[in-house]
């Protein structure tokens, strides 16, 4: 309600705006856009385009996996897995030897 008695802004504080004329750009007649060469007129991609896209994705995934395998963490995990496999083979050999040894004694 205090806003009802607010003074009006002074006329000197208001800056007049002059309109700037806009000139249209002549682009000529509307150009007909042809579909990309890898698509049919109906917008369906060609088999070659789809094959290339799939092969590109596959190649990127192989490259990403190869790069991820080169990190120190991946090498450490691979070494740990190899150690576990070796320990498992040793344990299996020990179990087999103990079974052979106990079976021949009776």
PDB file of N, CA and C in Angstrom:
ATOM      1  N   UNK A   1       0.811  -1.180   0.000  1.00  0.00           N
ATOM      2  CA  UNK A   1       0.000   0.000   0.000  1.00  0.00           C
ATOM      3  C   UNK A   1       0.860   1.251   0.000  1.00  0.00           C
ATOM      4  N   UNK A   2       2.124   1.071   0.404  1.00  0.00           N
ATOM      5  CA  UNK A   2       3.030   2.206   0.371  1.00  0.00           C
ATOM      6  C   UNK A   2       3.405   2.518  -1.067  1.00  0.00           C
ATOM      7  N   UNK A   3       3.251   1.528  -1.972  1.00  0.00           N
ATOM      8  CA  UNK A   3       3.586   1.731  -3.378  1.00  0.00           C
ATOM      9  C   UNK A   3       2.611   2.683  -4.062  1.00  0.00           C
ATOM     10  N   UNK A   4       1.409   2.838  -3.517  1.00  0.00           N
ATOM     11  CA  UNK A   4       0.423   3.722  -4.141  1.00  0.00           C
ATOM     12  C   UNK A   4       0.894   5.171  -4.101  1.00  0.00           C
ATOM     13  N   UNK A   5       1.675   5.532  -3.138  1.00  0.00           N
ATOM     14  CA  UNK A   5       2.119   6.911  -2.974  1.00  0.00           C
ATOM     15  C   UNK A   5       3.539   7.123  -3.480  1.00  0.00           C
ATOM     16  N   UNK A   6       4.124   6.124  -4.215  1.00  0.00           N
ATOM     17  CA  UNK A   6       5.495   6.255  -4.723  1.00  0.00           C
ATOM     18  C   UNK A   6       5.528   7.332  -5.800  1.00  0.00           C
ATOM     19  N   UNK A   7       6.586   8.154  -5.815  1.00  0.00           N
ATOM     20  CA  UNK A   7       6.666   9.215  -6.817  1.00  0.00           C
ATOM     21  C   UNK A   7       6.924   8.625  -8.201  1.00  0.00           C
ATOM     22  N   UNK A   8       6.432   9.285  -9.239  1.00  0.00           N
ATOM     23  CA  UNK A   8       6.623   8.868 -10.630  1.00  0.00           C
ATOM     24  C   UNK A   8       8.068   9.151 -11.031  1.00  0.00           C
ATOM     25  N   UNK A   9       8.683   8.333 -11.907  1.00  0.00           N
ATOM     26  CA  UNK A   9      10.050   8.625 -12.346  1.00  0.00           C
ATOM     27  C   UNK A   9      10.064   9.914 -13.153  1.00  0.00           C
ATOM     28  N   UNK A  10      11.151  10.615 -13.047  1.00  0.00           N
ATOM     29  CA  UNK A  10      11.255  11.894 -13.740  1.00  0.00           C
ATOM     30  C   UNK A  10      11.394  11.670 -15.238  1.00  0.00           C
ATOM     31  N   UNK A  11      10.945  12.586 -16.015  1.00  0.00           N
ATOM     32  CA  UNK A  11      10.973  12.471 -17.468  1.00  0.00           C
ATOM     33  C   UNK A  11      12.406  12.488 -17.986  1.00  0.00           C
ATOM     34  N   UNK A  12      13.335  13.139 -17.290  1.00  0.00           N
ATOM     35  CA  UNK A  12      14.723  13.216 -17.741  1.00  0.00           C
ATOM     36  C   UNK A  12      15.426  11.868 -17.596  1.00  0.00           C
ATOM     37  N   UNK A  13      14.965  11.001 -16.702  1.00  0.00           N
ATOM     38  CA  UNK A  13      15.594   9.712 -16.475  1.00  0.00           C
ATOM     39  C   UNK A  13      15.204   8.697 -17.546  1.00  0.00           C
ATOM     40  N   UNK A  14      14.150   8.929 -18.294  1.00  0.00           N
ATOM     41  CA  UNK A  14      13.690   7.999 -19.319  1.00  0.00           C
ATOM     42  C   UNK A  14      14.405   8.312 -20.623  1.00  0.00           C
ATOM     43  N   UNK A  15      15.036   7.288 -21.219  1.00  0.00           N
ATOM     44  CA  UNK A  15      15.761   7.458 -22.477  1.00  0.00           C
ATOM     45  C   UNK A  15      14.862   6.980 -23.611  1.00  0.00           C
ATOM     46  N   UNK A  16      14.645   7.808 -24.614  1.00  0.00           N
ATOM     47  CA  UNK A  16      13.784   7.368 -25.719  1.00  0.00           C
ATOM     48  C   UNK A  16      14.500   6.315 -26.574  1.00  0.00           C
ATOM     49  N   UNK A  17      13.746   5.376 -27.093  1.00  0.00           N
ATOM     50  CA  UNK A  17      14.280   4.302 -27.919  1.00  0.00           C
ATOM     51  C   UNK A  17      13.929   4.595 -29.365  1.00  0.00           C
ATOM     52  N   UNK A  18      14.936   4.525 -30.215  1.00  0.00           N
ATOM     53  CA  UNK A  18      14.671   4.731 -31.639  1.00  0.00           C
ATOM     54  C   UNK A  18      14.690   3.374 -32.323  1.00  0.00           C
ATOM     55  N   UNK A  19      13.667   3.056 -33.086  1.00  0.00           N
ATOM     56  CA  UNK A  19      13.624   1.747 -33.751  1.00  0.00           C
ATOM     57  C   UNK A  19      14.668   1.664 -34.861  1.00  0.00           C
ATOM     58  N   UNK A  20      15.277   0.493 -34.981  1.00  0.00           N
ATOM     59  CA  UNK A  20      16.274   0.250 -36.016  1.00  0.00           C
ATOM     60  C   UNK A  20      15.586  -0.531 -37.128  1.00  0.00           C
ATOM     61  N   UNK A  21      15.650  -0.037 -38.361  1.00  0.00           N
ATOM     62  CA  UNK A  21      14.979  -0.771 -39.441  1.00  0.00           C
ATOM     63  C   UNK A  21      15.686  -2.101 -39.711  1.00  0.00           C
ATOM     64  N   UNK A  22      14.911  -3.121 -39.936  1.00  0.00           N
ATOM     65  CA  UNK A  22      15.430  -4.454 -40.206  1.00  0.00           C
ATOM     66  C   UNK A  22      15.349  -4.686 -41.703  1.00  0.00           C
ATOM     67  N   UNK A  23      16.483  -5.033 -42.287  1.00  0.00           N
ATOM     68  CA  UNK A  23      16.489  -5.313 -43.720  1.00  0.00           C
ATOM     69  C   UNK A  23      16.504  -6.819 -43.915  1.00  0.00           C
ATOM     70  N   UNK A  24      15.555  -7.347 -44.664  1.00  0.00           N
ATOM     71  CA  UNK A  24      15.523  -8.797 -44.872  1.00  0.00           C
ATOM     72  C   UNK A  24      16.675  -9.237 -45.769  1.00  0.00           C
ATOM     73  N   UNK A  25      17.197 -10.410 -45.485  1.00  0.00           N
ATOM     74  CA  UNK A  25      18.280 -10.970 -46.276  1.00  0.00           C
ATOM     75  C   UNK A  25      17.658 -11.760 -47.414  1.00  0.00           C
ATOM     76  N   UNK A  26      18.076 -11.473 -48.636  1.00  0.00           N
ATOM     77  CA  UNK A  26      17.532 -12.167 -49.793  1.00  0.00           C
ATOM     78  C   UNK A  26      18.285 -13.478 -49.962  1.00  0.00           C
ATOM     79  N   UNK A  27      17.633 -14.569 -49.588  1.00  0.00           N
ATOM     80  CA  UNK A  27      18.280 -15.870 -49.697  1.00  0.00           C
ATOM     81  C   UNK A  27      17.890 -16.575 -50.984  1.00  0.00           C
ATOM     82  N   UNK A  28      17.110 -15.956 -51.789  1.00  0.00           N
ATOM     83  CA  UNK A  28      16.703 -16.559 -53.045  1.00  0.00           C
ATOM     84  C   UNK A  28      15.588 -17.559 -52.808  1.00  0.00           C
ATOM     85  N   UNK A  29      15.290 -18.355 -53.804  1.00  0.00           N
ATOM     86  CA  UNK A  29      14.220 -19.336 -53.629  1.00  0.00           C
ATOM     87  C   UNK A  29      14.643 -20.407 -52.621  1.00  0.00           C
ATOM     88  N   UNK A  30      13.658 -20.996 -51.994  1.00  0.00           N
ATOM     89  CA  UNK A  30      13.938 -22.025 -50.994  1.00  0.00           C
ATOM     90  C   UNK A  30      14.640 -23.201 -51.662  1.00  0.00           C
ATOM     91  N   UNK A  31      15.761 -23.591 -51.098  1.00  0.00           N
ATOM     92  CA  UNK A  31      16.544 -24.682 -51.670  1.00  0.00           C
ATOM     93  C   UNK A  31      15.937 -26.020 -51.286  1.00  0.00           C
ATOM     94  N   UNK A  32      15.982 -26.947 -52.202  1.00  0.00           N
ATOM     95  CA  UNK A  32      15.500 -28.293 -51.932  1.00  0.00           C
ATOM     96  C   UNK A  32      16.664 -29.066 -51.324  1.00  0.00           C
ATOM     97  N   UNK A  33      16.424 -29.613 -50.155  1.00  0.00           N
ATOM     98  CA  UNK A  33      17.477 -30.333 -49.449  1.00  0.00           C
ATOM     99  C   UNK A  33      17.364 -31.808 -49.800  1.00  0.00           C
ATOM    100  N   UNK A  34      18.413 -32.355 -50.372  1.00  0.00           N
ATOM    101  CA  UNK A  34      18.442 -33.774 -50.710  1.00  0.00           C
ATOM    102  C   UNK A  34      18.807 -34.573 -49.468  1.00  0.00           C
ATOM    103  N   UNK A  35      18.287 -35.782 -49.353  1.00  0.00           N
ATOM    104  CA  UNK A  35      18.668 -36.597 -48.197  1.00  0.00           C
ATOM    105  C   UNK A  35      20.145 -36.946 -48.274  1.00  0.00           C
ATOM    106  N   UNK A  36      20.757 -37.210 -47.139  1.00  0.00           N
ATOM    107  CA  UNK A  36      22.169 -37.609 -47.157  1.00  0.00           C
ATOM    108  C   UNK A  36      22.348 -38.832 -48.058  1.00  0.00           C
ATOM    109  N   UNK A  37      23.530 -39.009 -48.620  1.00  0.00           N
ATOM    110  CA  UNK A  37      23.720 -40.113 -49.566  1.00  0.00           C
ATOM    111  C   UNK A  37      23.559 -41.495 -48.941  1.00  0.00           C
ATOM    112  N   UNK A  38      23.660 -41.593 -47.635  1.00  0.00           N
ATOM    113  CA  UNK A  38      23.523 -42.894 -46.975  1.00  0.00           C
ATOM    114  C   UNK A  38      22.087 -43.217 -46.602  1.00  0.00           C
ATOM    115  N   UNK A  39      21.152 -42.361 -46.977  1.00  0.00           N
ATOM    116  CA  UNK A  39      19.752 -42.558 -46.657  1.00  0.00           C
ATOM    117  C   UNK A  39      18.928 -42.591 -47.928  1.00  0.00           C
ATOM    118  N   UNK A  40      17.819 -43.315 -47.891  1.00  0.00           N
ATOM    119  CA  UNK A  40      16.912 -43.318 -49.028  1.00  0.00           C
ATOM    120  C   UNK A  40      16.045 -42.068 -48.959  1.00  0.00           C
ATOM    121  N   UNK A  41      15.230 -41.866 -49.986  1.00  0.00           N
ATOM    122  CA  UNK A  41      14.351 -40.697 -50.009  1.00  0.00           C
ATOM    123  C   UNK A  41      13.355 -40.747 -48.856  1.00  0.00           C
ATOM    124  N   UNK A  42      13.034 -41.941 -48.388  1.00  0.00           N
ATOM    125  CA  UNK A  42      12.107 -42.091 -47.269  1.00  0.00           C
ATOM    126  C   UNK A  42      12.769 -41.919 -45.913  1.00  0.00           C
ATOM    127  N   UNK A  43      14.087 -41.686 -45.892  1.00  0.00           N
ATOM    128  CA  UNK A  43      14.789 -41.481 -44.630  1.00  0.00           C
ATOM    129  C   UNK A  43      15.321 -42.754 -44.005  1.00  0.00           C
ATOM    130  N   UNK A  44      15.348 -43.841 -44.775  1.00  0.00           N
ATOM    131  CA  UNK A  44      15.837 -45.118 -44.255  1.00  0.00           C
ATOM    132  C   UNK A  44      17.329 -45.234 -44.558  1.00  0.00           C
ATOM    133  N   UNK A  45      18.159 -45.560 -43.554  1.00  0.00           N
ATOM    134  CA  UNK A  45      19.601 -45.673 -43.810  1.00  0.00           C
ATOM    135  C   UNK A  45      19.906 -46.893 -44.677  1.00  0.00           C
ATOM    136  N   UNK A  46      20.973 -46.791 -45.455  1.00  0.00           N
ATOM    137  CA  UNK A  46      21.376 -47.908 -46.307  1.00  0.00           C
ATOM    138  C   UNK A  46      22.069 -48.975 -45.461  1.00  0.00           C
ATOM    139  N   UNK A  47      22.145 -50.178 -46.021  1.00  0.00           N
ATOM    140  CA  UNK A  47      22.787 -51.280 -45.308  1.00  0.00           C
ATOM    141  C   UNK A  47      24.267 -50.989 -45.075  1.00  0.00           C
ATOM    142  N   UNK A  48      24.926 -50.394 -46.064  1.00  0.00           N
ATOM    143  CA  UNK A  48      26.344 -50.055 -45.901  1.00  0.00           C
ATOM    144  C   UNK A  48      26.553 -49.061 -44.768  1.00  0.00           C
ATOM    145  N   UNK A  49      25.658 -48.082 -44.662  1.00  0.00           N
ATOM    146  CA  UNK A  49      25.764 -47.080 -43.601  1.00  0.00           C
ATOM    147  C   UNK A  49      25.621 -47.740 -42.235  1.00  0.00           C
ATOM    148  N   UNK A  50      24.627 -48.617 -42.099  1.00  0.00           N
ATOM    149  CA  UNK A  50      24.393 -49.294 -40.818  1.00  0.00           C
ATOM    150  C   UNK A  50      25.569 -50.206 -40.485  1.00  0.00           C
ATOM    151  N   UNK A  51      26.079 -50.939 -41.491  1.00  0.00           N
ATOM    152  CA  UNK A  51      27.213 -51.834 -41.269  1.00  0.00           C
ATOM    153  C   UNK A  51      28.439 -51.044 -40.815  1.00  0.00           C
ATOM    154  N   UNK A  52      28.708 -49.928 -41.485  1.00  0.00           N
ATOM    155  CA  UNK A  52      29.855 -49.099 -41.101  1.00  0.00           C
ATOM    156  C   UNK A  52      29.706 -48.567 -39.686  1.00  0.00           C
ATOM    157  N   UNK A  53      28.490 -48.185 -39.330  1.00  0.00           N
ATOM    158  CA  UNK A  53      28.254 -47.656 -37.984  1.00  0.00           C
ATOM    159  C   UNK A  53      28.483 -48.741 -36.928  1.00  0.00           C
ATOM    160  N   UNK A  54      27.993 -49.945 -37.200  1.00  0.00           N
ATOM    161  CA  UNK A  54      28.169 -51.050 -36.251  1.00  0.00           C
ATOM    162  C   UNK A  54      29.644 -51.423 -36.135  1.00  0.00           C
ATOM    163  N   UNK A  55      30.334 -51.503 -37.275  1.00  0.00           N
ATOM    164  CA  UNK A  55      31.757 -51.838 -37.242  1.00  0.00           C
ATOM    165  C   UNK A  55      32.563 -50.774 -36.509  1.00  0.00           C
ATOM    166  N   UNK A  56      32.176 -49.515 -36.661  1.00  0.00           N
ATOM    167  CA  UNK A  56      32.856 -48.438 -35.946  1.00  0.00           C
ATOM    168  C   UNK A  56      32.666 -48.550 -34.447  1.00  0.00           C
ATOM    169  N   UNK A  57      31.447 -48.855 -34.036  1.00  0.00           N
ATOM    170  CA  UNK A  57      31.186 -49.014 -32.596  1.00  0.00           C
ATOM    171  C   UNK A  57      31.957 -50.203 -32.032  1.00  0.00           C
ATOM    172  N   UNK A  58      31.995 -51.297 -32.797  1.00  0.00           N
ATOM    173  CA  UNK A  58      32.706 -52.484 -32.347  1.00  0.00           C
ATOM    174  C   UNK A  58      34.199 -52.196 -32.209  1.00  0.00           C
ATOM    175  N   UNK A  59      34.757 -51.501 -33.189  1.00  0.00           N
ATOM    176  CA  UNK A  59      36.182 -51.163 -33.142  1.00  0.00           C
ATOM    177  C   UNK A  59      36.489 -50.253 -31.958  1.00  0.00           C
ATOM    178  N   UNK A  60      35.597 -49.289 -31.694  1.00  0.00           N
ATOM    179  CA  UNK A  60      35.806 -48.406 -30.535  1.00  0.00           C
ATOM    180  C   UNK A  60      35.744 -49.194 -29.238  1.00  0.00           C
ATOM    181  N   UNK A  61      34.821 -50.154 -29.147  1.00  0.00           N
ATOM    182  CA  UNK A  61      34.725 -50.932 -27.907  1.00  0.00           C
ATOM    183  C   UNK A  61      35.970 -51.797 -27.711  1.00  0.00           C
ATOM    184  N   UNK A  62      36.493 -52.372 -28.808  1.00  0.00           N
ATOM    185  CA  UNK A  62      37.730 -53.154 -28.687  1.00  0.00           C
ATOM    186  C   UNK A  62      38.889 -52.272 -28.250  1.00  0.00           C
ATOM    187  N   UNK A  63      38.976 -51.088 -28.833  1.00  0.00           N
ATOM    188  CA  UNK A  63      40.046 -50.160 -28.461  1.00  0.00           C
ATOM    189  C   UNK A  63      39.934 -49.722 -27.018  1.00  0.00           C
ATOM    190  N   UNK A  64      38.712 -49.447 -26.573  1.00  0.00           N
ATOM    191  CA  UNK A  64      38.506 -49.033 -25.181  1.00  0.00           C
ATOM    192  C   UNK A  64      38.895 -50.148 -24.222  1.00  0.00           C
ATOM    193  N   UNK A  65      38.521 -51.378 -24.568  1.00  0.00           N
ATOM    194  CA  UNK A  65      38.870 -52.512 -23.711  1.00  0.00           C
ATOM    195  C   UNK A  65      40.381 -52.714 -23.669  1.00  0.00           C
ATOM    196  N   UNK A  66      41.028 -52.542 -24.821  1.00  0.00           N
ATOM    197  CA  UNK A  66      42.483 -52.695 -24.858  1.00  0.00           C
ATOM    198  C   UNK A  66      43.173 -51.620 -24.028  1.00  0.00           C
ATOM    199  N   UNK A  67      42.694 -50.388 -24.142  1.00  0.00           N
ATOM    200  CA  UNK A  67      43.283 -49.309 -23.346  1.00  0.00           C
ATOM    201  C   UNK A  67      43.028 -49.514 -21.858  1.00  0.00           C
ATOM    202  N   UNK A  68      41.835 -49.997 -21.511  1.00  0.00           N
ATOM    203  CA  UNK A  68      41.522 -50.232 -20.102  1.00  0.00           C
ATOM    204  C   UNK A  68      42.392 -51.351 -19.536  1.00  0.00           C
ATOM    205  N   UNK A  69      42.756 -52.318 -20.371  1.00  0.00           N
ATOM    206  CA  UNK A  69      43.604 -53.419 -19.922  1.00  0.00           C
ATOM    207  C   UNK A  69      45.043 -53.013 -19.702  1.00  0.00           C
ATOM    208  N   UNK A  70      45.440 -51.871 -20.226  1.00  0.00           N
ATOM    209  CA  UNK A  70      46.819 -51.409 -20.094  1.00  0.00           C
ATOM    210  C   UNK A  70      47.059 -50.589 -18.830  1.00  0.00           C
ATOM    211  N   UNK A  71      46.033 -50.320 -18.056  1.00  0.00           N
ATOM    212  CA  UNK A  71      46.208 -49.524 -16.846  1.00  0.00           C
ATOM    213  C   UNK A  71      46.885 -50.368 -15.769  1.00  0.00           C
ATOM    214  N   UNK A  72      47.564 -49.731 -14.825  1.00  0.00           N
ATOM    215  CA  UNK A  72      48.216 -50.490 -13.741  1.00  0.00           C
ATOM    216  C   UNK A  72      47.220 -51.312 -12.924  1.00  0.00           C
ATOM    217  N   UNK A  73      46.020 -50.781 -12.730  1.00  0.00           N
ATOM    218  CA  UNK A  73      45.024 -51.516 -11.953  1.00  0.00           C
ATOM    219  C   UNK A  73      44.631 -52.802 -12.669  1.00  0.00           C
ATOM    220  N   UNK A  74      44.471 -52.722 -13.987  1.00  0.00           N
ATOM    221  CA  UNK A  74      44.084 -53.907 -14.748  1.00  0.00           C
ATOM    222  C   UNK A  74      45.206 -54.938 -14.737  1.00  0.00           C
ATOM    223  N   UNK A  75      46.448 -54.474 -14.855  1.00  0.00           N
ATOM    224  CA  UNK A  75      47.576 -55.406 -14.812  1.00  0.00           C
ATOM    225  C   UNK A  75      47.653 -56.078 -13.448  1.00  0.00           C
ATOM    226  N   UNK A  76      47.420 -55.317 -12.383  1.00  0.00           N
ATOM    227  CA  UNK A  76      47.451 -55.871 -11.034  1.00  0.00           C
ATOM    228  C   UNK A  76      46.355 -56.921 -10.867  1.00  0.00           C
ATOM    229  N   UNK A  77      45.167 -56.632 -11.389  1.00  0.00           N
ATOM    230  CA  UNK A  77      44.065 -57.589 -11.293  1.00  0.00           C
ATOM    231  C   UNK A  77      44.388 -58.853 -12.081  1.00  0.00           C
ATOM    232  N   UNK A  78      45.006 -58.700 -13.248  1.00  0.00           N
ATOM    233  CA  UNK A  78      45.378 -59.864 -14.055  1.00  0.00           C
ATOM    234  C   UNK A  78      46.431 -60.700 -13.335  1.00  0.00           C
ATOM    235  N   UNK A  79      47.380 -60.046 -12.675  1.00  0.00           N
ATOM    236  CA  UNK A  79      48.407 -60.775 -11.922  1.00  0.00           C
ATOM    237  C   UNK A  79      47.782 -61.526 -10.749  1.00  0.00           C
ATOM    238  N   UNK A  80      46.842 -60.888 -10.056  1.00  0.00           N
ATOM    239  CA  UNK A  80      46.162 -61.547  -8.944  1.00  0.00           C
ATOM    240  C   UNK A  80      45.379 -62.761  -9.440  1.00  0.00           C
ATOM    241  N   UNK A  81      44.720 -62.617 -10.586  1.00  0.00           N
ATOM    242  CA  UNK A  81      43.965 -63.736 -11.144  1.00  0.00           C
ATOM    243  C   UNK A  81      44.902 -64.881 -11.515  1.00  0.00           C
ATOM    244  N   UNK A  82      46.056 -64.560 -12.081  1.00  0.00           N
ATOM    245  CA  UNK A  82      47.030 -65.596 -12.447  1.00  0.00           C
ATOM    246  C   UNK A  82      47.547 -66.307 -11.203  1.00  0.00           C
ATOM    247  N   UNK A  83      47.800 -65.563 -10.127  1.00  0.00           N
ATOM    248  CA  UNK A  83      48.255 -66.173  -8.873  1.00  0.00           C
ATOM    249  C   UNK A  83      47.189 -67.105  -8.306  1.00  0.00           C
ATOM    250  N   UNK A  84      45.930 -66.699  -8.369  1.00  0.00           N
ATOM    251  CA  UNK A  84      44.837 -67.545  -7.871  1.00  0.00           C
ATOM    252  C   UNK A  84      44.730 -68.827  -8.695  1.00  0.00           C
ATOM    253  N   UNK A  85      44.854 -68.694 -10.016  1.00  0.00           N
ATOM    254  CA  UNK A  85      44.791 -69.872 -10.882  1.00  0.00           C
ATOM    255  C   UNK A  85      45.928 -70.839 -10.557  1.00  0.00           C
ATOM    256  N   UNK A  86      47.119 -70.310 -10.354  1.00  0.00           N
ATOM    257  CA  UNK A  86      48.284 -71.143 -10.027  1.00  0.00           C
ATOM    258  C   UNK A  86      48.071 -71.837  -8.684  1.00  0.00           C
ATOM    259  N   UNK A  87      47.569 -71.090  -7.695  1.00  0.00           N
ATOM    260  CA  UNK A  87      47.311 -71.680  -6.376  1.00  0.00           C
ATOM    261  C   UNK A  87      46.237 -72.760  -6.472  1.00  0.00           C
ATOM    262  N   UNK A  88      45.224 -72.527  -7.292  1.00  0.00           N
ATOM    263  CA  UNK A  88      44.161 -73.519  -7.452  1.00  0.00           C
ATOM    264  C   UNK A  88      44.703 -74.782  -8.113  1.00  0.00           C
ATOM    265  N   UNK A  89      45.552 -74.631  -9.126  1.00  0.00           N
ATOM    266  CA  UNK A  89      46.153 -75.796  -9.784  1.00  0.00           C
ATOM    267  C   UNK A  89      47.043 -76.577  -8.817  1.00  0.00           C
ATOM    268  N   UNK A  90      47.811 -75.858  -7.996  1.00  0.00           N
ATOM    269  CA  UNK A  90      48.675 -76.519  -7.014  1.00  0.00           C
ATOM    270  C   UNK A  90      47.843 -77.280  -5.987  1.00  0.00           C
ATOM    271  N   UNK A  91      46.768 -76.669  -5.519  1.00  0.00           N
ATOM    272  CA  UNK A  91      45.899 -77.312  -4.525  1.00  0.00           C
ATOM    273  C   UNK A  91      45.237 -78.551  -5.126  1.00  0.00           C
ATOM    274  N   UNK A  92      44.781 -78.435  -6.377  1.00  0.00           N
ATOM    275  CA  UNK A  92      44.155 -79.578  -7.036  1.00  0.00           C
ATOM    276  C   UNK A  92      45.156 -80.718  -7.212  1.00  0.00           C
ATOM    277  N   UNK A  93      46.380 -80.392  -7.572  1.00  0.00           N
ATOM    278  CA  UNK A  93      47.422 -81.421  -7.715  1.00  0.00           C
ATOM    279  C   UNK A  93      47.709 -82.083  -6.368  1.00  0.00           C
ATOM    280  N   UNK A  94      47.728 -81.298  -5.293  1.00  0.00           N
ATOM    281  CA  UNK A  94      47.975 -81.862  -3.957  1.00  0.00           C
ATOM    282  C   UNK A  94      46.842 -82.793  -3.547  1.00  0.00           C
ATOM    283  N   UNK A  95      45.611 -82.405  -3.849  1.00  0.00           N
ATOM    284  CA  UNK A  95      44.458 -83.253  -3.499  1.00  0.00           C
ATOM    285  C   UNK A  95      44.519 -84.557  -4.290  1.00  0.00           C
ATOM    286  N   UNK A  96      44.822 -84.458  -5.579  1.00  0.00           N
ATOM    287  CA  UNK A  96      44.919 -85.670  -6.403  1.00  0.00           C
ATOM    288  C   UNK A  96      46.027 -86.595  -5.892  1.00  0.00           C
ATOM    289  N   UNK A  97      47.174 -86.021  -5.527  1.00  0.00           N
ATOM    290  CA  UNK A  97      48.275 -86.840  -5.003  1.00  0.00           C
ATOM    291  C   UNK A  97      47.890 -87.507  -3.694  1.00  0.00           C
ATOM    292  N   UNK A  98      47.183 -86.790  -2.835  1.00  0.00           N
ATOM    293  CA  UNK A  98      46.793 -87.384  -1.550  1.00  0.00           C
ATOM    294  C   UNK A  98      45.772 -88.498  -1.756  1.00  0.00           C
ATOM    295  N   UNK A  99      44.890 -88.347  -2.750  1.00  0.00           N
ATOM    296  CA  UNK A  99      43.916 -89.410  -3.025  1.00  0.00           C
ATOM    297  C   UNK A  99      44.599 -90.628  -3.630  1.00  0.00           C
ATOM    298  N   UNK A 100      45.563 -90.413  -4.489  1.00  0.00           N
ATOM    299  CA  UNK A 100      46.302 -91.536  -5.081  1.00  0.00           C
ATOM    300  C   UNK A 100      47.121 -92.262  -4.011  1.00  0.00           C
ATOM    301  N   UNK A 101      47.704 -91.499  -3.120  1.00  0.00           N
ATOM    302  CA  UNK A 101      48.539 -92.088  -2.067  1.00  0.00           C
ATOM    303  C   UNK A 101      47.710 -92.900  -1.083  1.00  0.00           C
ATOM    304  N   UNK A 102      46.504 -92.418  -0.718  1.00  0.00           N
ATOM    305  CA  UNK A 102      45.691 -93.139   0.254  1.00  0.00           C
ATOM    306  C   UNK A 102      44.997 -94.326  -0.393  1.00  0.00           C
ATOM    307  N   UNK A 103      44.724 -94.287  -1.686  1.00  0.00           N
ATOM    308  CA  UNK A 103      44.055 -95.392  -2.375  1.00  0.00           C
ATOM    309  C   UNK A 103      44.983 -96.567  -2.599  1.00  0.00           C
ATOM    310  N   UNK A 104      46.270 -96.336  -2.806  1.00  0.00           N
ATOM    311  CA  UNK A 104      47.211 -97.430  -3.086  1.00  0.00           C
ATOM    312  C   UNK A 104      47.659 -98.127  -1.798  1.00  0.00           C
ATOM    313  N   UNK A 105      47.468 -97.494  -0.652  1.00  0.00           N
ATOM    314  CA  UNK A 105      47.922 -98.058   0.619  1.00  0.00           C
ATOM    315  C   UNK A 105      46.991 -99.114   1.152  1.00  0.00           C
ATOM    316  N   UNK A 106      45.749 -99.214   0.719  1.00  0.00           N
ATOM    317  CA  UNK A 106      44.830-100.213   1.265  1.00  0.00           C
ATOM    318  C   UNK A 106      44.645-101.407   0.417  1.00  0.00           C
TER     319      UNK A 106
END
